[in-house]
């Protein structure tokens, strides 16, 4: 059953970031929809498991620890920093591209199938649509192509775009808010990301069964995104 949870929450001002990681300045006085990627646009536990396993292996090799310790580090860094990568960068100066290439070295096309209904739902949203992900652009491209929805999005803002900072860091949302001056909507499955987006002035759509007081609208499944479109 679809659950819509509509609240009015005052806009909270956040200082603009001091450093830009790209030269382009994007200003769109329009409505902009930013979609999280993994666990928002698709649900595929097997893919998440494979990524987690590869993260564990990377940590084992990089830090010289066993599998049990690597899994503890992976989970701890995710909670503290938003991604394991961000924790490895802050604490051990890991090379981010080596990490991303390794953990996303997965045959995505074998696991994800063309999603006609999702493509139709996204096409019904006439606003500009973008991907806003903590993953790499290469991984995002593979996922979107496998789902058949790459053409629905104007651009992909990956972790490299933010200097390898990650949601739910306020910097990532304030950077987007600074680059896009229109009405911004964040669609995400993770309550902490929804909270950070709301505090940066975004309208927020939470996808899934988890709850958040910072969600303007909640839908249980991304295929119902058109219903959120009617209420935003």
Protein backbone atom coordinates (compact mmCIF):
# COMPACT_ATOMS: atom_id res chain seq x y z
CA UNK A 1 0.00 0.00 0.00
CA UNK A 2 1.36 3.41 -0.99
CA UNK A 3 2.09 5.69 1.94
CA UNK A 4 2.36 9.40 1.41
CA UNK A 5 3.65 11.46 4.27
CA UNK A 6 3.42 15.18 3.58
CA UNK A 7 4.86 17.73 5.96
CA UNK A 8 5.79 21.40 5.76
CA UNK A 9 9.23 22.05 7.17
CA UNK A 10 10.86 25.50 7.19
CA UNK A 11 13.84 26.12 4.93
CA UNK A 12 17.12 26.09 6.81
CA UNK A 13 19.98 28.20 5.49
CA UNK A 14 23.34 26.48 4.97
CA UNK A 15 26.56 28.28 4.08
CA UNK A 16 27.80 27.75 0.54
CA UNK A 17 30.86 25.55 -0.07
CA UNK A 18 34.21 27.31 -0.37
CA UNK A 19 35.75 25.03 -2.97
CA UNK A 20 34.48 23.77 -6.31
CA UNK A 21 35.71 20.54 -7.88
CA UNK A 22 34.57 21.45 -11.41
CA UNK A 23 34.91 24.68 -13.32
CA UNK A 24 31.39 24.73 -14.76
CA UNK A 25 28.80 26.89 -13.04
CA UNK A 26 25.29 25.58 -13.49
CA UNK A 27 22.39 27.85 -12.76
CA UNK A 28 18.90 26.61 -13.62
CA UNK A 29 15.98 28.80 -12.48
CA UNK A 30 13.71 25.78 -12.86
CA UNK A 31 12.63 22.62 -11.09
CA UNK A 32 15.41 20.07 -10.66
CA UNK A 33 14.94 16.48 -9.49
CA UNK A 34 17.97 14.70 -8.00
CA UNK A 35 17.77 10.93 -7.72
CA UNK A 36 19.94 8.72 -5.58
CA UNK A 37 21.08 5.62 -7.47
CA UNK A 38 21.62 2.38 -5.55
CA UNK A 39 18.70 1.12 -3.47
CA UNK A 40 16.53 3.98 -4.77
CA UNK A 41 16.14 3.39 -8.50
CA UNK A 42 16.32 -0.37 -8.07
CA UNK A 43 16.23 -3.06 -5.39
CA UNK A 44 18.71 -5.88 -5.95
CA UNK A 45 20.15 -7.45 -2.79
CA UNK A 46 22.53 -9.65 -4.80
CA UNK A 47 24.21 -6.57 -6.27
CA UNK A 48 24.53 -4.88 -2.89
CA UNK A 49 26.04 -8.06 -1.45
CA UNK A 50 28.65 -8.24 -4.22
CA UNK A 51 29.63 -4.60 -3.72
CA UNK A 52 29.91 -5.11 0.05
CA UNK A 53 32.08 -8.19 -0.51
CA UNK A 54 34.41 -6.27 -2.79
CA UNK A 55 34.64 -3.42 -0.27
CA UNK A 56 35.58 -5.98 2.39
CA UNK A 57 38.27 -7.44 0.13
CA UNK A 58 39.70 -4.02 -0.63
CA UNK A 59 39.88 -3.16 3.07
CA UNK A 60 41.49 -6.53 3.83
CA UNK A 61 44.21 -5.97 1.24
CA UNK A 62 44.74 -2.28 1.95
CA UNK A 63 44.84 -2.56 5.74
CA UNK A 64 46.11 -6.10 6.16
CA UNK A 65 43.16 -7.26 8.29
CA UNK A 66 40.97 -10.34 8.20
CA UNK A 67 37.45 -10.51 6.76
CA UNK A 68 35.70 -10.02 10.11
CA UNK A 69 37.70 -6.88 10.92
CA UNK A 70 37.24 -5.54 7.38
CA UNK A 71 33.47 -5.86 7.65
CA UNK A 72 33.49 -3.98 10.96
CA UNK A 73 35.54 -1.17 9.39
CA UNK A 74 33.26 -1.03 6.33
CA UNK A 75 30.11 -0.67 8.42
CA UNK A 76 31.68 1.74 10.90
CA UNK A 77 32.96 4.07 8.19
CA UNK A 78 29.61 3.99 6.39
CA UNK A 79 27.82 5.14 9.54
CA UNK A 80 30.42 7.80 10.42
CA UNK A 81 31.22 9.20 6.97
CA UNK A 82 28.43 8.20 4.58
CA UNK A 83 30.68 5.83 2.64
CA UNK A 84 33.54 3.48 3.44
CA UNK A 85 35.61 5.36 0.87
CA UNK A 86 35.24 8.67 2.71
CA UNK A 87 36.44 7.03 5.91
CA UNK A 88 39.44 5.50 4.15
CA UNK A 89 40.34 8.86 2.62
CA UNK A 90 40.08 10.76 5.91
CA UNK A 91 41.92 8.18 7.98
CA UNK A 92 44.33 6.48 5.57
CA UNK A 93 44.63 8.71 2.44
CA UNK A 94 43.51 5.91 0.14
CA UNK A 95 43.50 6.59 -3.62
CA UNK A 96 39.78 7.03 -4.36
CA UNK A 97 39.82 5.98 -8.02
CA UNK A 98 41.64 2.72 -7.27
CA UNK A 99 39.03 1.99 -4.63
CA UNK A 100 36.06 2.83 -6.88
CA UNK A 101 37.41 0.84 -9.81
CA UNK A 102 37.86 -2.20 -7.58
CA UNK A 103 34.59 -2.21 -5.66
CA UNK A 104 32.46 -1.52 -8.76
CA UNK A 105 34.15 -4.15 -10.91
CA UNK A 106 30.88 -6.10 -11.20
CA UNK A 107 28.87 -7.30 -14.20
CA UNK A 108 25.89 -5.05 -13.54
CA UNK A 109 24.12 -6.03 -16.77
CA UNK A 110 23.91 -9.63 -15.57
CA UNK A 111 22.01 -8.56 -12.45
CA UNK A 112 19.80 -5.69 -13.61
CA UNK A 113 17.16 -5.81 -16.33
CA UNK A 114 15.47 -3.18 -18.48
CA UNK A 115 12.71 -1.57 -16.42
CA UNK A 116 9.99 -0.34 -18.79
CA UNK A 117 7.64 0.81 -16.04
CA UNK A 118 10.35 2.86 -14.31
CA UNK A 119 11.30 4.49 -17.59
CA UNK A 120 7.68 5.44 -18.19
CA UNK A 121 7.31 6.84 -14.66
CA UNK A 122 10.45 8.96 -15.04
CA UNK A 123 9.41 10.24 -18.45
CA UNK A 124 6.17 11.50 -16.90
CA UNK A 125 8.24 13.90 -14.78
CA UNK A 126 8.84 16.82 -17.13
CA UNK A 127 11.35 18.60 -14.88
CA UNK A 128 15.12 18.27 -15.32
CA UNK A 129 16.37 15.04 -13.75
CA UNK A 130 19.85 14.21 -12.47
CA UNK A 131 21.63 11.42 -10.59
CA UNK A 132 23.19 12.40 -7.24
CA UNK A 133 25.19 9.42 -5.96
CA UNK A 134 28.00 8.46 -3.63
CA UNK A 135 29.15 5.93 -6.23
CA UNK A 136 31.33 6.51 -9.30
CA UNK A 137 30.05 7.87 -12.58
CA UNK A 138 31.15 4.67 -14.31
CA UNK A 139 29.02 2.57 -11.96
CA UNK A 140 26.07 4.91 -12.37
CA UNK A 141 26.32 4.74 -16.16
CA UNK A 142 26.32 0.94 -16.02
CA UNK A 143 23.29 0.82 -13.73
CA UNK A 144 21.27 3.34 -15.73
CA UNK A 145 22.08 1.67 -19.04
CA UNK A 146 21.08 -1.75 -17.67
CA UNK A 147 17.76 -0.36 -16.44
CA UNK A 148 17.19 1.39 -19.78
CA UNK A 149 16.82 4.83 -18.20
CA UNK A 150 20.09 6.62 -19.01
CA UNK A 151 18.27 8.95 -21.38
CA UNK A 152 15.99 10.15 -18.58
CA UNK A 153 18.82 12.02 -16.84
CA UNK A 154 20.70 15.11 -18.00
CA UNK A 155 23.81 14.46 -15.93
CA UNK A 156 25.35 12.36 -13.16
CA UNK A 157 26.85 13.97 -10.06
CA UNK A 158 29.10 11.33 -8.53
CA UNK A 159 31.39 11.35 -5.53
CA UNK A 160 34.28 12.74 -7.63
CA UNK A 161 32.15 15.81 -8.42
CA UNK A 162 32.15 16.61 -4.70
CA UNK A 163 35.86 16.00 -4.22
CA UNK A 164 35.03 12.52 -2.86
CA UNK A 165 32.84 13.92 -0.13
CA UNK A 166 29.66 11.92 0.33
CA UNK A 167 26.03 12.26 1.32
CA UNK A 168 24.87 12.99 4.00
CA UNK A 169 27.63 15.62 4.35
CA UNK A 170 26.07 19.08 4.21
CA UNK A 171 28.76 20.16 1.73
CA UNK A 172 27.38 17.93 -1.03
CA UNK A 173 23.86 19.33 -0.74
CA UNK A 174 24.96 22.95 -0.38
CA UNK A 175 27.13 22.57 -3.49
CA UNK A 176 24.15 21.37 -5.51
CA UNK A 177 21.97 24.13 -4.03
CA UNK A 178 24.59 26.68 -5.06
CA UNK A 179 24.89 25.32 -8.60
CA UNK A 180 21.15 24.91 -9.13
CA UNK A 181 19.17 27.97 -8.09
CA UNK A 182 15.70 26.62 -8.90
CA UNK A 183 13.38 24.41 -6.90
CA UNK A 184 15.40 21.31 -5.95
CA UNK A 185 13.90 17.93 -5.08
CA UNK A 186 15.92 15.05 -3.58
CA UNK A 187 14.73 11.46 -3.97
CA UNK A 188 16.60 9.01 -1.71
CA UNK A 189 16.11 5.84 0.31
CA UNK A 190 18.36 6.81 3.24
CA UNK A 191 16.77 8.91 6.02
CA UNK A 192 20.06 10.66 6.91
CA UNK A 193 20.37 11.87 3.32
CA UNK A 194 16.78 13.08 3.38
CA UNK A 195 17.46 15.03 6.57
CA UNK A 196 20.59 16.67 5.17
CA UNK A 197 18.80 17.56 1.94
CA UNK A 198 15.90 19.13 3.79
CA UNK A 199 18.24 21.22 5.92
CA UNK A 200 19.82 22.50 2.70
CA UNK A 201 16.49 23.68 1.36
CA UNK A 202 15.49 20.73 -0.83
CA UNK A 203 12.02 19.30 -1.13
CA UNK A 204 12.42 15.65 -0.14
CA UNK A 205 10.96 12.33 -1.27
CA UNK A 206 11.83 9.26 0.81
CA UNK A 207 11.68 5.91 -1.00
CA UNK A 208 11.12 2.69 0.94
CA UNK A 209 9.82 1.52 4.28
CA UNK A 210 12.08 3.58 6.59
CA UNK A 211 10.64 6.80 7.98
CA UNK A 212 11.93 10.34 8.43
CA UNK A 213 10.44 13.49 9.90
CA UNK A 214 12.32 15.37 7.18
CA UNK A 215 10.50 13.70 4.29
CA UNK A 216 7.92 15.89 2.59
CA UNK A 217 6.60 12.86 0.76
CA UNK A 218 7.18 9.15 1.22
CA UNK A 219 6.64 6.42 -1.37
CA UNK A 220 7.30 2.74 -0.83
CA UNK A 221 8.46 2.10 -4.38
CA UNK A 222 10.25 4.23 -6.97
CA UNK A 223 7.71 3.18 -9.60
CA UNK A 224 5.21 5.39 -7.75
CA UNK A 225 7.34 8.49 -8.24
CA UNK A 226 4.67 10.05 -10.46
CA UNK A 227 2.43 10.34 -7.39
CA UNK A 228 5.11 12.42 -5.70
CA UNK A 229 5.30 14.49 -8.86
CA UNK A 230 1.64 15.37 -8.43
CA UNK A 231 2.22 16.66 -4.89
CA UNK A 232 5.58 18.48 -5.15
